[in-house]
Amino acid sequence: MDSSDALMARFLALHPRTIDLSLGRIQGLLAKLNHPERRLPPVIHVAGTNGKGSTIAFMRAILEAGGLAAHVYTSPHLVRFHERIRLGAIGGGHFVPEDRLADAFARCEAVNGGDPITVFEITTAAALLLFSEVPADVLLLEVGLGGRVDATNVIDAPAAAVVTPIGRDHAEYLGDTVAAVAGEKAGIFKRGCPAIIAAQDYAEADAVLCRHAEAVGAGPIRVGNQDFSVHEERGRLVYQDETDLFDLPLPRLSGRHQLTNAGTAIAALRAAGFGDIGVAAIETGLRSVDWPGRLQRLARGHLAQLVADQLPAGTELWLDGGHNIDGGRILAAAVADLGDRSDVPLVLIVGLLGTKDAEGFLRNFVGLSRALIAVPIAGQMAARPAEEVAQIAASVGLSARVAASVEAALAMVSDIAFEQPPRILICGSLYLAGAVLTANGTPPT
């Protein structure tokens, strides 16, 4: 049997030159596969600009702590494609094995018959095929792009649909206003399906989401609208909805935004019919949740050892894949919170794609970062040259320089005189995050 990599290479040849987002191609393929999308466990569908993956990670951790099996579909991956498809099992799921992935790809290729189809569409069909063949209690399904015409939007009656905070991203496909993006994300709302709307950063996004939910009869469930609320109080997370109040531990994931994601996850599970999961499972899930590459502390591994060998004791190494303007704002706020607890110099090691608003992302760190080192993203044709990133950083007021690699950047930090051990944050791209986890020897598991 051909490997999944070989099959993926063949899929690229079928990819239309222009991506016209639609459901027709995947619906046709799923029909030829005998409709695996109709043979799934209850589906919780998740869209949004930021926080989708973290919200899903919270739901998975809580469900598994409650003794349930949860399939998970997310994108993009950090190191290997297999990370996108987690097959659920009691006691904890696992990434799809190579033999099963290659077999599913081969079956999809065979029935597709050489017709034009995007890589995301055919791989999503393969994922749904796999999920339909392995028993589980729930499928946590993340939207790839937008919502309304995303390949995942083939589920007729999900148990719940969730929209996390919306911002500006992928304007070429979703529109150049927050309201337009919100309208595309709201396309996952279905009649009779609870619509969970997380706290939004933009009032126009909240208004559009609520209007769409009400128009299709989805019954919006909104944070802070007497439906549910979440806040920190005396070092605890307090969640409250119409029926219960939970006094919970703070989540393992760092950053104040993770309070919102955790609360949204709890509300979604309860709305989707998993309200009988006890508070003990929620507590365990919040403490055990794992979502690599999102404000992740690297305390072990090759790069962590380089830091320990080359820099003063107490130097911290962190990693985050946030890459759009709002992701940068959220990340900067989270790092500022770390600074409130231990005010140490912040050094950024940054790699960015040319398709992202570099100036908008970097402005978030003005006044917060003491130094920035721009690095290339190896193997990425769309990566912005490190010299260009440094120029943009300097133009917004950041002290910037260039290094040939992350390892070289870490060595460069050791040459900078700080009054105390610095906090180093590698950020700007999920592709960079994946490369860093690979170099560190700590890929997602």
Protein backbone atom coordinates (compact mmCIF):
# COMPACT_ATOMS: atom_id res chain seq x y z
CA MET A 1 0.00 0.00 0.00
CA ASP A 2 1.23 3.50 -0.78
CA SER A 3 2.11 5.69 2.18
CA SER A 4 -0.15 8.52 3.28
CA ASP A 5 2.54 10.99 2.11
CA ALA A 6 2.54 9.48 -1.39
CA LEU A 7 -1.24 9.62 -1.55
CA MET A 8 -1.22 13.21 -0.32
CA ALA A 9 1.19 14.11 -3.12
CA ARG A 10 -1.28 12.68 -5.63
CA PHE A 11 -4.12 14.65 -4.04
CA LEU A 12 -2.19 17.84 -4.79
CA ALA A 13 -2.48 17.08 -8.50
CA LEU A 14 -6.28 17.08 -8.17
CA HIS A 15 -6.34 20.40 -6.31
CA PRO A 16 -8.18 23.11 -8.31
CA ARG A 17 -5.98 26.02 -9.38
CA THR A 18 -8.46 28.40 -7.79
CA ILE A 19 -10.10 27.38 -4.52
CA ASP A 20 -13.80 28.10 -4.85
CA LEU A 21 -15.15 27.28 -1.42
CA SER A 22 -18.21 25.09 -1.85
CA LEU A 23 -19.72 21.86 -0.55
CA GLY A 24 -20.49 20.23 -3.88
CA ARG A 25 -17.22 18.33 -4.33
CA ILE A 26 -17.10 16.80 -0.85
CA GLN A 27 -20.82 16.00 -0.87
CA GLY A 28 -20.34 14.10 -4.10
CA LEU A 29 -17.37 12.19 -2.68
CA LEU A 30 -19.19 11.35 0.55
CA ALA A 31 -22.14 10.01 -1.46
CA LYS A 32 -19.77 7.64 -3.29
CA LEU A 33 -18.44 6.52 0.12
CA ASN A 34 -21.98 5.66 1.27
CA HIS A 35 -22.35 8.77 3.41
CA PRO A 36 -20.02 8.28 6.39
CA GLU A 37 -21.13 11.71 7.64
CA ARG A 38 -24.51 10.13 8.46
CA ARG A 39 -22.91 7.34 10.52
CA LEU A 40 -21.10 9.39 13.14
CA PRO A 41 -21.50 9.76 16.91
CA PRO A 42 -22.99 13.09 18.11
CA VAL A 43 -20.99 15.96 16.61
CA ILE A 44 -19.94 19.20 18.29
CA HIS A 45 -18.96 21.54 15.43
CA VAL A 46 -16.53 24.36 16.26
CA ALA A 47 -15.74 27.47 14.20
CA GLY A 48 -14.01 30.77 15.02
CA THR A 49 -10.86 32.76 14.32
CA ASN A 50 -9.04 32.16 17.60
CA GLY A 51 -9.49 29.61 20.36
CA LYS A 52 -11.06 26.76 18.34
CA GLY A 53 -8.34 24.25 19.09
CA SER A 54 -8.04 25.16 22.76
CA THR A 55 -11.81 24.90 23.24
CA ILE A 56 -11.77 21.47 21.62
CA ALA A 57 -8.81 20.44 23.78
CA PHE A 58 -10.79 21.38 26.91
CA MET A 59 -13.82 19.41 25.72
CA ARG A 60 -11.72 16.35 24.93
CA ALA A 61 -9.95 16.45 28.30
CA ILE A 62 -13.25 16.73 30.18
CA LEU A 63 -14.96 14.01 28.15
CA GLU A 64 -12.05 11.60 28.59
CA ALA A 65 -11.88 12.36 32.31
CA GLY A 66 -15.57 11.43 32.41
CA GLY A 67 -14.85 8.03 30.88
CA LEU A 68 -16.07 8.81 27.35
CA ALA A 69 -14.41 8.24 23.97
CA ALA A 70 -13.98 11.38 21.86
CA HIS A 71 -12.98 11.51 18.20
CA VAL A 72 -11.23 14.78 17.33
CA TYR A 73 -10.64 16.51 13.99
CA THR A 74 -8.45 19.63 14.01
CA SER A 75 -6.24 21.56 11.61
CA PRO A 76 -3.60 22.43 10.79
CA HIS A 77 -1.11 19.95 12.21
CA LEU A 78 2.18 20.98 13.78
CA VAL A 79 4.51 18.12 12.86
CA ARG A 80 2.63 15.23 11.18
CA PHE A 81 -0.69 15.14 9.35
CA HIS A 82 -1.80 12.30 11.64
CA GLU A 83 -2.30 14.86 14.46
CA ARG A 84 -5.43 16.10 12.67
CA ILE A 85 -7.33 12.84 13.22
CA ARG A 86 -7.54 11.51 16.78
CA LEU A 87 -9.52 8.30 17.12
CA GLY A 88 -11.38 8.17 20.40
CA ALA A 89 -11.11 5.37 22.95
CA ILE A 90 -12.07 4.89 26.58
CA GLY A 91 -9.16 6.07 28.67
CA GLY A 92 -7.82 8.36 25.93
CA GLY A 93 -7.62 8.37 22.16
CA HIS A 94 -4.66 8.30 19.79
CA PHE A 95 -3.58 9.82 16.49
CA VAL A 96 -4.66 7.74 13.52
CA PRO A 97 -2.06 5.06 12.73
CA GLU A 98 -0.28 5.25 9.39
CA ASP A 99 -1.82 2.04 8.01
CA ARG A 100 -5.39 3.17 8.72
CA LEU A 101 -4.76 6.67 7.35
CA ALA A 102 -3.19 5.37 4.14
CA ASP A 103 -6.07 2.91 3.68
CA ALA A 104 -8.68 5.67 4.13
CA PHE A 105 -6.81 7.95 1.71
CA ALA A 106 -6.62 5.14 -0.85
CA ARG A 107 -10.35 4.42 -0.64
CA CYS A 108 -11.18 8.10 -1.07
CA GLU A 109 -8.82 8.40 -4.03
CA ALA A 110 -10.37 5.35 -5.68
CA VAL A 111 -13.98 6.53 -5.49
CA ASN A 112 -13.08 10.13 -6.34
CA GLY A 113 -11.86 8.85 -9.70
CA GLY A 114 -9.49 11.70 -10.51
CA ASP A 115 -12.12 14.44 -10.22
CA PRO A 116 -10.94 17.91 -9.10
CA ILE A 117 -11.06 18.26 -5.31
CA THR A 118 -9.11 20.25 -2.74
CA VAL A 119 -6.68 18.50 -0.42
CA PHE A 120 -8.68 19.60 2.61
CA GLU A 121 -11.90 18.25 1.11
CA ILE A 122 -10.56 14.79 0.33
CA THR A 123 -8.69 14.46 3.61
CA THR A 124 -11.79 15.60 5.52
CA ALA A 125 -13.76 12.89 3.72
CA ALA A 126 -11.11 10.37 4.80
CA ALA A 127 -11.37 11.58 8.39
CA LEU A 128 -15.16 11.24 8.40
CA LEU A 129 -14.81 7.75 6.92
CA LEU A 130 -12.44 6.75 9.73
CA PHE A 131 -14.65 8.28 12.42
CA SER A 132 -17.68 6.40 11.06
CA GLU A 133 -15.87 3.08 11.43
CA VAL A 134 -14.63 3.43 15.01
CA PRO A 135 -17.22 3.59 17.81
CA ALA A 136 -17.06 6.68 20.04
CA ASP A 137 -19.35 8.80 22.18
CA VAL A 138 -18.76 12.12 20.41
CA LEU A 139 -16.90 13.77 17.53
CA LEU A 140 -15.30 17.17 18.14
CA LEU A 141 -15.11 18.65 14.64
CA GLU A 142 -13.11 21.80 13.91
CA VAL A 143 -13.88 23.97 10.90
CA GLY A 144 -10.95 24.42 8.54
CA LEU A 145 -11.78 27.80 7.01
CA GLY A 146 -14.87 29.94 7.59
CA GLY A 147 -17.85 27.70 8.20
CA ARG A 148 -20.70 28.12 5.73
CA VAL A 149 -18.96 26.38 2.82
CA ASP A 150 -16.17 24.67 4.74
CA ALA A 151 -15.76 20.96 3.97
CA THR A 152 -16.71 20.07 7.55
CA ASN A 153 -20.14 21.68 7.16
CA VAL A 154 -21.74 18.50 5.84
CA ILE A 155 -23.25 17.51 9.19
CA ASP A 156 -27.01 18.01 8.98
CA ALA A 157 -27.84 17.88 12.69
CA PRO A 158 -24.90 18.42 15.04
CA ALA A 159 -25.45 18.08 18.77
CA ALA A 160 -24.11 21.63 19.17
CA ALA A 161 -22.37 24.31 17.12
CA VAL A 162 -19.78 26.56 18.76
CA VAL A 163 -18.25 29.82 17.55
CA THR A 164 -15.17 31.04 19.42
CA PRO A 165 -13.87 34.66 19.23
CA ILE A 166 -13.88 36.10 15.71
CA GLY A 167 -11.32 38.45 14.21
CA ARG A 168 -9.94 39.37 10.82
CA ASP A 169 -8.15 36.57 9.00
CA HIS A 170 -8.26 34.97 5.53
CA ALA A 171 -9.90 38.10 4.10
CA GLU A 172 -9.48 36.74 0.55
CA TYR A 173 -12.01 34.02 1.35
CA LEU A 174 -14.12 35.33 4.23
CA GLY A 175 -14.41 39.08 3.62
CA ASP A 176 -12.50 42.07 4.92
CA THR A 177 -14.82 43.02 7.79
CA VAL A 178 -15.49 41.32 11.11
CA ALA A 179 -19.21 41.22 10.27
CA ALA A 180 -18.51 39.39 7.00
CA VAL A 181 -16.27 36.86 8.75
CA ALA A 182 -18.92 36.33 11.43
CA GLY A 183 -21.53 35.66 8.77
CA GLU A 184 -19.36 32.91 7.27
CA LYS A 185 -18.68 31.34 10.68
CA ALA A 186 -22.38 31.43 11.56
CA GLY A 187 -23.03 29.16 8.59
CA ILE A 188 -22.51 26.14 10.87
CA PHE A 189 -25.65 26.97 12.86
CA LYS A 190 -28.52 24.55 12.14
CA ARG A 191 -32.19 24.57 13.09
CA GLY A 192 -32.80 22.92 16.44
CA CYS A 193 -29.09 22.75 17.21
CA PRO A 194 -27.81 24.73 20.23
CA ALA A 195 -25.54 27.58 19.10
CA ILE A 196 -22.91 28.40 21.72
CA ILE A 197 -21.42 31.85 21.16
CA ALA A 198 -18.24 32.61 23.09
CA ALA A 199 -17.42 36.08 24.38
CA GLN A 200 -16.62 38.15 21.30
CA ASP A 201 -14.04 40.92 21.03
CA TYR A 202 -16.16 42.82 18.51
CA ALA A 203 -19.79 43.82 19.10
CA GLU A 204 -20.59 43.52 15.40
CA ALA A 205 -19.46 39.88 15.42
CA ASP A 206 -21.68 39.08 18.40
CA ALA A 207 -24.65 40.80 16.74
CA VAL A 208 -24.21 38.91 13.46
CA LEU A 209 -23.81 35.55 15.21
CA CYS A 210 -26.92 36.06 17.34
CA ARG A 211 -28.96 37.22 14.38
CA HIS A 212 -27.97 34.20 12.28
CA ALA A 213 -28.63 31.77 15.14
CA GLU A 214 -32.08 33.20 15.75
CA ALA A 215 -32.87 33.26 12.02
CA VAL A 216 -32.27 29.53 11.62
CA GLY A 217 -33.88 28.62 14.94
CA ALA A 218 -30.63 27.55 16.56
CA GLY A 219 -31.38 29.01 19.99
CA PRO A 220 -28.22 31.01 20.82
CA ILE A 221 -26.48 30.35 24.14
CA ARG A 222 -24.26 33.34 24.89
CA VAL A 223 -21.65 34.08 27.48
CA GLY A 224 -22.64 36.87 29.85
CA ASN A 225 -26.27 36.87 28.66
CA GLN A 226 -27.63 34.97 31.66
CA ASP A 227 -26.96 31.78 29.66
CA PHE A 228 -23.50 31.17 31.10
CA SER A 229 -20.62 33.13 32.55
CA VAL A 230 -17.03 32.43 33.53
CA HIS A 231 -14.53 34.46 35.51
CA GLU A 232 -11.54 34.14 37.81
CA GLU A 233 -12.07 34.70 41.52
CA ARG A 234 -9.39 34.21 44.18
CA GLY A 235 -7.31 31.96 41.99
CA ARG A 236 -10.26 29.80 40.93
CA LEU A 237 -12.39 29.55 37.79
CA VAL A 238 -16.06 30.21 38.48
CA TYR A 239 -18.51 28.88 35.89
CA GLN A 240 -22.24 29.55 36.14
CA ASP A 241 -25.22 28.84 33.92
CA GLU A 242 -28.98 28.70 34.42
CA THR A 243 -28.85 25.55 36.53
CA ASP A 244 -25.42 25.25 38.18
CA LEU A 245 -22.47 27.11 39.63
CA PHE A 246 -19.06 25.40 39.59
CA ASP A 247 -16.03 26.45 41.63
CA LEU A 248 -13.16 25.01 39.58
CA PRO A 249 -9.36 25.06 39.40
CA LEU A 250 -7.72 27.40 36.93
CA PRO A 251 -6.96 25.62 33.66
CA ARG A 252 -3.54 24.18 32.94
CA LEU A 253 -3.29 26.22 29.73
CA SER A 254 -1.74 29.64 30.32
CA GLY A 255 -3.39 32.96 29.53
CA ARG A 256 -6.56 34.75 30.59
CA HIS A 257 -8.14 33.87 27.23
CA GLN A 258 -8.12 30.24 28.29
CA LEU A 259 -10.72 31.05 30.93
CA THR A 260 -13.09 31.99 28.12
CA ASN A 261 -12.19 28.88 26.14
CA ALA A 262 -12.72 26.65 29.18
CA GLY A 263 -16.10 28.21 29.96
CA THR A 264 -17.18 27.89 26.34
CA ALA A 265 -16.15 24.22 26.34
CA ILE A 266 -18.18 23.48 29.49
CA ALA A 267 -21.24 25.30 28.11
CA ALA A 268 -20.97 23.43 24.80
CA LEU A 269 -20.76 20.01 26.44
CA ARG A 270 -23.76 20.74 28.64
CA ALA A 271 -25.80 22.06 25.68
CA ALA A 272 -24.85 19.05 23.54
CA GLY A 273 -26.28 16.54 25.98
CA PHE A 274 -23.24 15.77 28.13
CA GLY A 275 -24.48 17.66 31.18
CA ASP A 276 -24.34 14.53 33.31
CA ILE A 277 -20.55 14.63 33.31
CA GLY A 278 -19.72 15.36 36.94
CA VAL A 279 -17.78 18.27 38.32
CA ALA A 280 -14.91 15.91 39.17
CA ALA A 281 -14.41 15.19 35.45
CA ILE A 282 -14.48 18.91 34.65
CA GLU A 283 -11.87 19.56 37.34
CA THR A 284 -9.65 16.76 36.08
CA GLY A 285 -10.04 17.95 32.49
CA LEU A 286 -9.04 21.51 33.35
CA ARG A 287 -5.94 20.26 35.18
CA SER A 288 -4.86 17.75 32.51
CA VAL A 289 -5.71 19.57 29.26
CA ASP A 290 -2.92 19.68 26.70
CA TRP A 291 -2.74 21.73 23.50
CA PRO A 292 0.81 21.95 22.07
CA GLY A 293 2.15 25.13 20.53
CA ARG A 294 -0.22 27.47 22.37
CA LEU A 295 1.69 29.42 25.01
CA GLN A 296 3.53 26.20 25.79
CA ARG A 297 6.40 26.20 28.26
CA LEU A 298 9.34 24.20 26.89
CA ALA A 299 11.03 22.87 29.99
CA ARG A 300 12.68 19.79 28.45
CA GLY A 301 14.08 18.77 25.09
CA HIS A 302 16.98 19.81 22.86
CA LEU A 303 16.20 23.53 22.63
CA ALA A 304 15.35 23.71 26.32
CA GLN A 305 18.75 22.14 27.04
CA LEU A 306 20.47 24.72 24.82
CA VAL A 307 18.83 27.44 26.90
CA ALA A 308 19.94 25.74 30.13
CA ASP A 309 23.51 25.41 28.83
CA GLN A 310 23.89 28.86 27.26
CA LEU A 311 21.76 31.22 29.36
CA PRO A 312 21.53 32.07 33.06
CA ALA A 313 19.62 29.73 35.36
CA GLY A 314 15.96 30.72 35.50
CA THR A 315 15.68 31.64 31.80
CA GLU A 316 12.27 30.56 30.47
CA LEU A 317 11.49 29.25 26.97
CA TRP A 318 7.92 29.51 25.65
CA LEU A 319 6.27 28.71 22.31
CA ASP A 320 3.08 29.96 20.65
CA GLY A 321 1.67 29.56 17.14
CA GLY A 322 -0.60 32.64 17.11
CA HIS A 323 -0.19 34.52 13.83
CA ASN A 324 -2.99 37.05 13.18
CA ILE A 325 -3.59 40.49 14.70
CA ASP A 326 -6.04 39.32 17.33
CA GLY A 327 -3.95 36.24 18.11
CA GLY A 328 -1.01 38.57 18.73
CA ARG A 329 -3.11 40.78 20.99
CA ILE A 330 -4.28 37.77 23.01
CA LEU A 331 -0.72 36.43 23.24
CA ALA A 332 0.70 39.79 24.30
CA ALA A 333 -1.92 40.06 27.06
CA ALA A 334 -1.11 36.55 28.26
CA VAL A 335 2.62 37.29 28.34
CA ALA A 336 1.93 40.55 30.18
CA ASP A 337 0.06 38.51 32.78
CA LEU A 338 3.14 36.31 33.18
CA GLY A 339 5.09 39.51 33.66
CA ASP A 340 2.75 40.56 36.46
CA ARG A 341 3.74 37.41 38.32
CA SER A 342 7.46 37.65 37.55
CA ASP A 343 8.63 40.82 35.84
CA VAL A 344 11.52 39.62 33.67
CA PRO A 345 12.86 40.83 30.29
CA LEU A 346 10.94 39.45 27.29
CA VAL A 347 12.78 38.38 24.14
CA LEU A 348 10.80 37.46 21.03
CA ILE A 349 12.04 35.02 18.40
CA VAL A 350 9.67 35.54 15.47
CA GLY A 351 8.94 33.91 12.13
CA LEU A 352 5.96 35.00 10.02
CA LEU A 353 4.28 34.06 6.76
CA GLY A 354 4.07 36.63 4.00
CA THR A 355 0.28 36.23 3.92
CA LYS A 356 -0.14 37.58 7.45
CA ASP A 357 -0.28 41.19 8.68
CA ALA A 358 3.20 41.34 10.20
CA GLU A 359 2.92 44.96 11.31
CA GLY A 360 -0.44 44.36 12.98
CA PHE A 361 0.85 41.26 14.77
CA LEU A 362 4.09 42.87 15.97
CA ARG A 363 2.52 46.14 17.20
CA ASN A 364 0.98 44.17 20.05
CA PHE A 365 4.42 43.71 21.61
CA VAL A 366 5.59 47.34 21.55
CA GLY A 367 6.47 48.31 25.11
CA LEU A 368 6.46 44.66 26.18
CA SER A 369 9.42 43.14 24.36
CA ARG A 370 13.00 44.17 25.12
CA ALA A 371 14.45 42.54 22.01
CA LEU A 372 13.23 40.73 18.89
CA ILE A 373 15.15 38.26 16.75
CA ALA A 374 13.62 37.42 13.38
CA VAL A 375 14.19 33.94 11.96
CA PRO A 376 13.26 32.17 8.73
CA ILE A 377 10.73 29.30 8.67
CA ALA A 378 12.59 26.48 6.98
CA GLY A 379 10.78 24.73 4.15
CA GLN A 380 7.99 27.30 3.85
CA MET A 381 7.85 29.04 0.48
CA ALA A 382 5.29 31.51 1.85
CA ALA A 383 7.50 32.52 4.78
CA ARG A 384 8.41 36.20 5.04
CA PRO A 385 12.21 36.72 4.89
CA ALA A 386 13.69 37.24 8.34
CA GLU A 387 15.29 40.50 7.24
CA GLU A 388 11.88 41.82 6.23
CA VAL A 389 10.34 40.79 9.56
CA ALA A 390 13.14 42.63 11.37
CA GLN A 391 12.58 45.76 9.26
CA ILE A 392 8.86 45.74 10.01
CA ALA A 393 9.55 45.20 13.71
CA ALA A 394 11.95 48.13 13.75
CA SER A 395 9.40 50.31 11.94
CA VAL A 396 6.87 49.84 14.76
CA GLY A 397 9.44 50.57 17.46
CA LEU A 398 10.83 47.16 18.41
CA SER A 399 14.55 46.53 18.83
CA ALA A 400 15.15 43.92 16.13
CA ARG A 401 17.91 41.79 14.68
CA VAL A 402 18.16 38.68 12.48
CA ALA A 403 19.37 35.11 13.03
CA ALA A 404 19.68 32.22 10.61
CA SER A 405 17.77 29.76 12.79
CA VAL A 406 16.07 29.36 16.14
CA GLU A 407 19.23 27.76 17.54
CA ALA A 408 21.29 30.72 16.34
CA ALA A 409 18.73 33.10 17.85
CA LEU A 410 19.01 31.38 21.24
CA ALA A 411 22.79 31.75 21.07
CA MET A 412 22.32 35.43 20.18
CA VAL A 413 20.18 35.94 23.30
CA SER A 414 23.13 34.78 25.40
CA ASP A 415 25.14 37.74 24.06
CA ILE A 416 22.55 40.29 25.25
CA ALA A 417 23.11 41.72 28.72
CA PHE A 418 19.99 41.54 30.91
CA GLU A 419 19.68 42.44 34.57
CA GLN A 420 18.02 39.09 35.23
CA PRO A 421 17.31 35.85 33.32
CA PRO A 422 15.00 36.59 30.37
CA ARG A 423 11.74 35.03 29.24
CA ILE A 424 12.09 33.90 25.59
CA LEU A 425 8.96 33.54 23.46
CA ILE A 426 9.14 31.87 20.04
CA CYS A 427 6.06 32.93 18.07
CA GLY A 428 4.43 34.10 14.83
CA SER A 429 3.45 30.94 12.99
CA LEU A 430 2.07 27.45 13.55
CA TYR A 431 4.59 26.25 10.96
CA LEU A 432 7.39 27.70 13.09
CA ALA A 433 5.83 26.13 16.19
CA GLY A 434 5.85 22.73 14.49
CA ALA A 435 9.49 23.15 13.43
CA VAL A 436 10.44 24.12 16.99
CA LEU A 437 8.67 21.11 18.53
CA THR A 438 10.46 18.88 16.02
CA ALA A 439 13.85 20.43 16.77
CA ASN A 440 13.16 20.19 20.48
CA GLY A 441 12.29 16.50 20.19
CA THR A 442 8.86 17.02 21.77
CA PRO A 443 6.27 16.56 18.98
CA PRO A 444 2.56 16.35 19.87
CA THR A 445 1.38 12.96 21.12
